[in-house]
Amino acid sequence: MTPDLPELLASAVPVGLPMRVRFRGVDVRETVLFRGPAGWGEFGPFPEYDDAEASRWLAAGLASAWGAWPEPVRDAVEINATVPAVGPDRVADVLAGFDGCRTVKVKVAERGQTLDNDVARVAEVRALLGTAVNVRVDANAAWTVDQAREALTRLSAYDLQYAEQPCAEVHELAELRLLLAQHGVDVPIAADESVRRAEDPVRVAREGAADLVVVKVAPLGGVDAALRIVAECGLPAVVSSALDTSVGIAAGVALAAALPELDHACGLGTVGLLAADVAEHPLVPVNGRITVADARAVVSAAEQPGLAGHELTGERRAWWLQRLTRCHALL
C-alpha cells in the first residue's frame, strides 16, 4: 500500500545522527523516519543516488510502515561486527561496540589508503580476536581485477570467510573467481552492489560471478522483494544494512528471520557505528544476536524518543522532504 503524499509528509521526520567513526565517507547519517498504521518506516538513500534508485528505498520504508512482514522461521539472527577503514589503533574501540559477535566484516580499499593499510587492519582484527572468529572483507567495488587478485592473495593469509564486491562489474567478479582458483587462493566472492544496484540482480548467479549474495532491504524495495531475489539467485545469502537506524535494521532482521536458510552472520549491527539512534532501545547485538521480538518492538513503538534533538531543520530538512516527494511520485 502506498499512502497519499500528504499523509506521508505529515509523519515524516528528517534526522541527522552523528557517527562514532567515519563510515562510507559519512560523519552524520541523515535519514527520514515516518509512521504508518503498521509502525515505523525509514527512507535514507545516500545523497548521491538518483530518484529512480532512491524510490526503491522509499518503497521498502513504506512496506514496513503500511504493510506486513513475512512470518519468521527463526527467532534471532546472528550478527557480524563491522570495522570501518580505521587505523589498527582504533580497531579495538570499534569492536567493543559489537557484543559477542563471532564474525567481523572489515572495510578495505578506502580511497586515499593503501593495501598495506588494509592488511594492517585485518591483521589487527585477527590479533585481537584470534582464529575462532570469521573475518570477511568488503571493498565496495573499488578494485580492478588485478588489484583484487593481489589484495586477496595477501589478505588470504588471514583466512577470509569471503570478499564482498571486490570489483564493480559482474564480468570482473566472474574473471576474478577464475583467477583466484587458478592461483590457489581460497577466497569466496560475495556480490553486493551487483545485486542491490543492478537492473538484473540475478545476473551474478546466472554468470557464475559470485559464491553468495548480500541483500539489503532498503535498496531492493522491501523484505518481500529481497526474498524473491534470493530465491531466484539460488545462492547462500547474507542480509546486510545500509547504515540504517534501528528502524531500518528491524526490517533487515525481518528479512534474515524469514530466509529459508541462513548460514552466515548478517551485517545488521551497524547501529553500533552511530553515536545516537532513534529508538529507546537501539537494535545492537547482544551476545552476537538480535532477536525478532526486539526488532518488532522497535517498529511498533508508539514513539521513537531518539528523534528529539536530532531533527534536521532549514535547508537539509527541505532537501529531504523534496526528495521524499519526488520519489513518492515514482511509486
Protein backbone atom coordinates (compact mmCIF):
# COMPACT_ATOMS: atom_id res chain seq x y z
CA MET A 1 0.00 0.00 0.00
CA THR A 2 1.29 3.45 -0.91
CA PRO A 3 -0.13 6.25 1.25
CA ASP A 4 -1.11 9.60 -0.19
CA LEU A 5 1.71 12.14 -0.15
CA PRO A 6 0.08 14.47 2.44
CA GLU A 7 -0.35 11.53 4.82
CA LEU A 8 3.29 10.54 4.38
CA LEU A 9 4.65 14.07 4.78
CA ALA A 10 2.56 14.64 7.90
CA SER A 11 4.51 11.97 9.79
CA ALA A 12 7.92 12.38 8.11
CA VAL A 13 10.82 13.44 10.37
CA PRO A 14 14.21 14.02 8.69
CA VAL A 15 17.04 13.49 11.18
CA GLY A 16 20.82 13.72 11.30
CA LEU A 17 22.58 11.23 13.58
CA PRO A 18 26.29 11.63 14.40
CA MET A 19 28.61 8.71 13.72
CA ARG A 20 31.06 7.24 16.22
CA VAL A 21 33.57 6.82 13.40
CA ARG A 22 33.60 8.00 9.81
CA PHE A 23 31.97 5.33 7.65
CA ARG A 24 31.46 5.31 3.89
CA GLY A 25 32.61 8.92 3.91
CA VAL A 26 29.80 9.84 6.31
CA ASP A 27 30.21 11.66 9.64
CA VAL A 28 26.49 12.37 10.14
CA ARG A 29 23.90 9.88 8.92
CA GLU A 30 20.87 11.67 7.53
CA THR A 31 17.62 9.78 7.02
CA VAL A 32 13.85 10.18 7.28
CA LEU A 33 11.56 8.35 9.70
CA PHE A 34 7.80 8.11 9.27
CA ARG A 35 4.98 6.18 10.91
CA GLY A 36 2.09 4.34 9.28
CA PRO A 37 -0.65 2.01 10.51
CA ALA A 38 1.80 -0.93 10.81
CA GLY A 39 4.51 1.04 12.58
CA TRP A 40 7.68 2.89 11.65
CA GLY A 41 9.49 3.01 8.33
CA GLU A 42 12.74 4.59 7.16
CA PHE A 43 13.87 6.36 3.98
CA GLY A 44 17.60 7.01 3.88
CA PRO A 45 19.13 6.59 0.41
CA PHE A 46 22.59 8.11 0.23
CA PRO A 47 22.64 11.63 -1.24
CA GLU A 48 24.40 10.67 -4.48
CA TYR A 49 21.66 8.20 -5.52
CA ASP A 50 19.25 9.43 -8.17
CA ASP A 51 15.50 9.48 -7.61
CA ALA A 52 14.83 6.27 -9.53
CA GLU A 53 17.20 4.32 -7.29
CA ALA A 54 16.13 6.17 -4.16
CA SER A 55 12.46 5.37 -4.83
CA ARG A 56 13.16 1.69 -4.05
CA TRP A 57 14.32 2.77 -0.60
CA LEU A 58 11.03 4.58 -0.14
CA ALA A 59 9.08 1.50 -1.24
CA ALA A 60 10.93 -0.51 1.41
CA GLY A 61 10.17 2.00 4.15
CA LEU A 62 6.50 2.15 3.19
CA ALA A 63 6.29 -1.64 3.20
CA SER A 64 7.38 -1.59 6.85
CA ALA A 65 5.05 1.21 7.89
CA TRP A 66 1.99 0.33 5.79
CA GLY A 67 2.46 -3.40 5.16
CA ALA A 68 3.30 -6.66 6.92
CA TRP A 69 6.44 -8.76 7.26
CA PRO A 70 6.53 -12.48 6.42
CA GLU A 71 6.43 -15.00 9.23
CA PRO A 72 9.89 -15.74 10.68
CA VAL A 73 11.43 -19.20 10.64
CA ARG A 74 13.93 -18.31 13.40
CA ASP A 75 13.58 -16.13 16.49
CA ALA A 76 17.02 -14.48 16.35
CA VAL A 77 19.69 -13.57 13.81
CA GLU A 78 23.44 -13.86 14.27
CA ILE A 79 25.19 -10.52 13.64
CA ASN A 80 28.65 -9.61 12.39
CA ALA A 81 30.75 -6.73 13.67
CA THR A 82 31.73 -4.08 11.14
CA VAL A 83 35.13 -2.37 11.20
CA PRO A 84 35.35 0.79 9.06
CA ALA A 85 38.57 1.86 7.35
CA VAL A 86 40.18 2.98 10.61
CA GLY A 87 43.79 2.59 11.69
CA PRO A 88 44.80 -0.51 13.67
CA ASP A 89 44.90 1.58 16.84
CA ARG A 90 41.13 2.14 16.63
CA VAL A 91 40.04 -1.39 15.83
CA ALA A 92 39.64 -2.47 19.45
CA ASP A 93 37.40 0.51 20.21
CA VAL A 94 35.16 -0.28 17.23
CA LEU A 95 34.88 -3.95 18.13
CA ALA A 96 33.86 -3.03 21.68
CA GLY A 97 30.52 -1.87 20.25
CA PHE A 98 29.62 -5.35 18.97
CA ASP A 99 28.84 -7.55 21.95
CA GLY A 100 29.58 -11.23 21.42
CA CYS A 101 29.92 -11.12 17.62
CA ARG A 102 31.95 -14.02 16.23
CA THR A 103 32.16 -12.69 12.66
CA VAL A 104 33.83 -9.42 11.62
CA LYS A 105 33.49 -7.55 8.34
CA VAL A 106 36.44 -5.26 7.64
CA LYS A 107 36.18 -2.40 5.18
CA VAL A 108 39.08 -2.27 2.72
CA ALA A 109 40.06 -0.33 -0.43
CA GLU A 110 39.22 3.03 1.12
CA ARG A 111 40.05 5.95 -1.14
CA GLY A 112 43.35 7.53 -0.09
CA GLN A 113 44.57 4.38 1.68
CA THR A 114 46.84 1.55 0.54
CA LEU A 115 46.75 -2.22 0.57
CA ASP A 116 49.23 -2.08 3.45
CA ASN A 117 46.59 -0.18 5.44
CA ASP A 118 44.07 -2.91 4.68
CA VAL A 119 46.43 -5.69 5.68
CA ALA A 120 47.29 -3.93 8.94
CA ARG A 121 43.57 -3.52 9.79
CA VAL A 122 42.70 -7.15 9.06
CA ALA A 123 45.81 -8.33 10.91
CA GLU A 124 44.78 -6.34 13.97
CA VAL A 125 41.33 -7.94 13.96
CA ARG A 126 42.96 -11.37 13.87
CA ALA A 127 45.44 -10.42 16.59
CA LEU A 128 42.65 -9.21 18.88
CA LEU A 129 40.12 -11.97 18.28
CA GLY A 130 42.19 -14.98 17.25
CA THR A 131 41.33 -17.74 14.84
CA ALA A 132 37.94 -18.62 16.30
CA VAL A 133 36.17 -15.72 14.55
CA ASN A 134 35.18 -15.42 10.90
CA VAL A 135 36.72 -12.47 9.07
CA ARG A 136 35.35 -11.10 5.80
CA VAL A 137 36.38 -8.01 3.83
CA ASP A 138 34.34 -5.52 1.82
CA ALA A 139 35.93 -3.46 -0.96
CA ASN A 140 32.74 -1.74 -2.17
CA ALA A 141 33.67 -2.40 -5.82
CA ALA A 142 36.86 -0.33 -5.58
CA TRP A 143 39.43 -2.70 -7.10
CA THR A 144 40.29 -3.69 -10.64
CA VAL A 145 40.61 -7.43 -11.26
CA ASP A 146 44.40 -7.28 -10.95
CA GLN A 147 44.24 -5.19 -7.79
CA ALA A 148 41.69 -7.58 -6.29
CA ARG A 149 43.80 -10.61 -7.10
CA GLU A 150 46.86 -9.04 -5.47
CA ALA A 151 44.92 -7.83 -2.44
CA LEU A 152 43.04 -11.06 -1.81
CA THR A 153 46.19 -13.11 -2.27
CA ARG A 154 47.81 -11.12 0.54
CA LEU A 155 44.70 -10.95 2.71
CA SER A 156 44.01 -14.66 2.32
CA ALA A 157 46.81 -15.24 4.84
CA TYR A 158 44.25 -14.15 7.47
CA ASP A 159 41.74 -16.88 6.49
CA LEU A 160 38.94 -14.85 4.94
CA GLN A 161 35.38 -16.15 5.01
CA TYR A 162 34.74 -14.22 1.79
CA ALA A 163 35.41 -10.95 -0.04
CA GLU A 164 32.42 -8.72 -0.65
CA GLN A 165 32.15 -6.93 -4.01
CA PRO A 166 35.88 -6.67 -4.76
CA CYS A 167 35.24 -5.37 -8.31
CA ALA A 168 32.47 -3.28 -9.82
CA GLU A 169 31.31 -5.27 -12.84
CA VAL A 170 29.74 -8.70 -12.96
CA HIS A 171 32.16 -9.92 -15.64
CA GLU A 172 35.05 -8.76 -13.43
CA LEU A 173 33.75 -10.78 -10.50
CA ALA A 174 33.48 -13.85 -12.72
CA GLU A 175 37.02 -13.32 -14.04
CA LEU A 176 38.38 -12.81 -10.52
CA ARG A 177 36.80 -16.04 -9.26
CA LEU A 178 38.57 -17.95 -12.02
CA LEU A 179 41.91 -16.22 -11.39
CA LEU A 180 41.79 -16.90 -7.66
CA ALA A 181 41.01 -20.56 -8.27
CA GLN A 182 43.83 -20.85 -10.81
CA HIS A 183 46.30 -19.39 -8.30
CA GLY A 184 45.07 -21.49 -5.38
CA VAL A 185 43.65 -18.54 -3.44
CA ASP A 186 40.66 -19.80 -1.47
CA VAL A 187 38.55 -16.67 -1.01
CA PRO A 188 34.86 -16.95 -1.98
CA ILE A 189 33.27 -13.92 -3.67
CA ALA A 190 30.10 -12.23 -2.42
CA ALA A 191 28.10 -9.84 -4.61
CA ASP A 192 26.54 -6.75 -3.02
CA GLU A 193 26.35 -3.74 -5.35
CA SER A 194 25.96 -6.12 -8.30
CA VAL A 195 22.71 -7.23 -6.67
CA ARG A 196 21.27 -4.19 -4.91
CA ARG A 197 22.18 -1.61 -7.58
CA ALA A 198 21.61 -3.78 -10.65
CA GLU A 199 18.77 -3.78 -13.16
CA ASP A 200 19.20 -7.57 -13.25
CA PRO A 201 20.12 -8.64 -9.70
CA VAL A 202 20.11 -12.34 -10.64
CA ARG A 203 22.81 -11.92 -13.28
CA VAL A 204 25.62 -12.64 -10.79
CA ALA A 205 24.23 -16.11 -10.20
CA ARG A 206 23.48 -16.80 -13.86
CA GLU A 207 27.03 -15.88 -14.93
CA GLY A 208 28.85 -17.64 -12.10
CA ALA A 209 30.19 -14.36 -10.72
CA ALA A 210 29.56 -14.99 -7.02
CA ASP A 211 29.54 -17.70 -4.39
CA LEU A 212 26.92 -15.90 -2.31
CA VAL A 213 24.79 -12.75 -2.43
CA VAL A 214 24.47 -9.87 0.01
CA VAL A 215 20.94 -8.47 0.18
CA LYS A 216 19.69 -5.27 1.78
CA VAL A 217 16.05 -4.46 2.39
CA ALA A 218 16.07 -0.77 1.51
CA PRO A 219 17.88 -0.83 -1.88
CA LEU A 220 15.89 -3.87 -3.03
CA GLY A 221 12.50 -2.33 -2.29
CA GLY A 222 11.43 -4.23 0.80
CA VAL A 223 11.54 -7.57 2.60
CA ASP A 224 9.31 -9.42 0.14
CA ALA A 225 11.26 -8.17 -2.89
CA ALA A 226 14.56 -9.24 -1.31
CA LEU A 227 13.18 -12.70 -0.53
CA ARG A 228 12.20 -13.14 -4.18
CA ILE A 229 15.67 -12.15 -5.39
CA VAL A 230 17.39 -14.60 -3.03
CA ALA A 231 15.11 -17.38 -4.25
CA GLU A 232 15.83 -16.55 -7.90
CA CYS A 233 19.59 -16.42 -7.34
CA GLY A 234 19.67 -19.79 -5.62
CA LEU A 235 22.86 -18.84 -3.74
CA PRO A 236 23.54 -18.57 0.01
CA ALA A 237 22.52 -15.12 1.24
CA VAL A 238 23.78 -12.67 3.83
CA VAL A 239 21.48 -9.87 4.95
CA SER A 240 23.18 -6.54 5.49
CA SER A 241 22.18 -2.96 6.27
CA ALA A 242 22.60 0.36 4.56
CA LEU A 243 23.80 2.23 7.65
CA ASP A 244 20.23 2.32 8.93
CA THR A 245 18.80 3.42 12.23
CA SER A 246 17.18 0.76 14.39
CA VAL A 247 14.01 1.14 12.32
CA GLY A 248 15.76 0.09 9.13
CA ILE A 249 17.70 -2.61 10.96
CA ALA A 250 14.41 -4.08 12.19
CA ALA A 251 13.35 -4.66 8.59
CA GLY A 252 16.68 -6.35 7.92
CA VAL A 253 16.13 -8.66 10.87
CA ALA A 254 12.67 -9.49 9.47
CA LEU A 255 14.26 -10.46 6.15
CA ALA A 256 17.01 -12.55 7.76
CA ALA A 257 14.49 -14.26 10.03
CA ALA A 258 12.31 -15.21 7.06
CA LEU A 259 15.02 -16.70 4.82
CA PRO A 260 14.57 -20.48 4.44
CA GLU A 261 18.33 -20.96 5.01
CA LEU A 262 20.77 -18.63 6.76
CA ASP A 263 24.29 -19.97 7.22
CA HIS A 264 26.22 -16.70 7.69
CA ALA A 265 26.15 -13.93 10.27
CA CYS A 266 24.38 -10.83 8.99
CA GLY A 267 25.61 -7.25 8.70
CA LEU A 268 22.84 -5.78 10.82
CA GLY A 269 24.92 -4.41 13.68
CA THR A 270 25.74 -1.03 12.19
CA VAL A 271 23.67 0.90 14.74
CA GLY A 272 26.81 0.38 16.82
CA LEU A 273 28.57 2.82 14.49
CA LEU A 274 26.10 5.59 15.34
CA ALA A 275 26.73 7.89 18.27
CA ALA A 276 22.95 8.32 18.59
CA ASP A 277 19.93 6.32 17.47
CA VAL A 278 16.19 6.95 17.22
CA ALA A 279 14.97 4.01 19.32
CA GLU A 280 14.65 3.90 23.09
CA HIS A 281 16.39 0.51 22.99
CA PRO A 282 18.70 0.53 19.94
CA LEU A 283 18.98 -2.67 17.93
CA VAL A 284 22.54 -3.65 18.69
CA PRO A 285 23.70 -7.25 19.07
CA VAL A 286 23.53 -8.86 22.48
CA ASN A 287 25.67 -11.99 22.71
CA GLY A 288 26.14 -11.63 18.97
CA ARG A 289 22.45 -11.76 18.08
CA ILE A 290 19.40 -9.57 17.53
CA THR A 291 16.00 -11.10 18.25
CA VAL A 292 12.90 -10.82 16.10
CA ALA A 293 10.94 -9.74 19.18
CA ASP A 294 13.24 -6.77 19.74
CA ALA A 295 13.00 -5.80 16.06
CA ARG A 296 9.21 -5.88 16.16
CA ALA A 297 9.21 -3.79 19.33
CA VAL A 298 11.23 -1.03 17.64
CA VAL A 299 8.93 -0.77 14.63
CA SER A 300 5.69 -0.98 16.63
CA ALA A 301 6.76 1.58 19.26
CA ALA A 302 4.35 4.47 19.73
CA GLU A 303 7.27 6.93 19.65
CA GLN A 304 10.96 6.99 18.79
CA PRO A 305 12.45 9.05 21.64
CA GLY A 306 15.79 9.40 19.88
CA LEU A 307 14.27 11.64 17.22
CA ALA A 308 14.18 14.50 19.71
CA GLY A 309 17.18 16.74 19.34
CA HIS A 310 18.28 15.24 16.02
CA GLU A 311 15.62 16.68 13.71
CA LEU A 312 17.02 18.39 10.63
CA THR A 313 15.98 21.98 10.06
CA GLY A 314 16.26 24.58 7.32
CA GLU A 315 17.78 23.59 4.01
CA ARG A 316 18.57 19.98 4.97
CA ARG A 317 15.01 19.31 6.13
CA ALA A 318 13.62 20.87 2.97
CA TRP A 319 16.04 18.87 0.81
CA TRP A 320 14.89 15.56 2.28
CA LEU A 321 11.18 16.37 2.10
CA GLN A 322 11.55 17.44 -1.53
CA ARG A 323 13.39 14.20 -2.27
CA LEU A 324 10.69 12.22 -0.49
CA THR A 325 8.07 13.97 -2.61
CA ARG A 326 9.87 13.24 -5.88
CA CYS A 327 10.40 9.59 -5.02
CA HIS A 328 6.81 9.15 -3.93
CA ALA A 329 5.73 10.30 -7.40
CA LEU A 330 7.73 7.43 -8.93
CA LEU A 331 6.00 4.67 -6.98
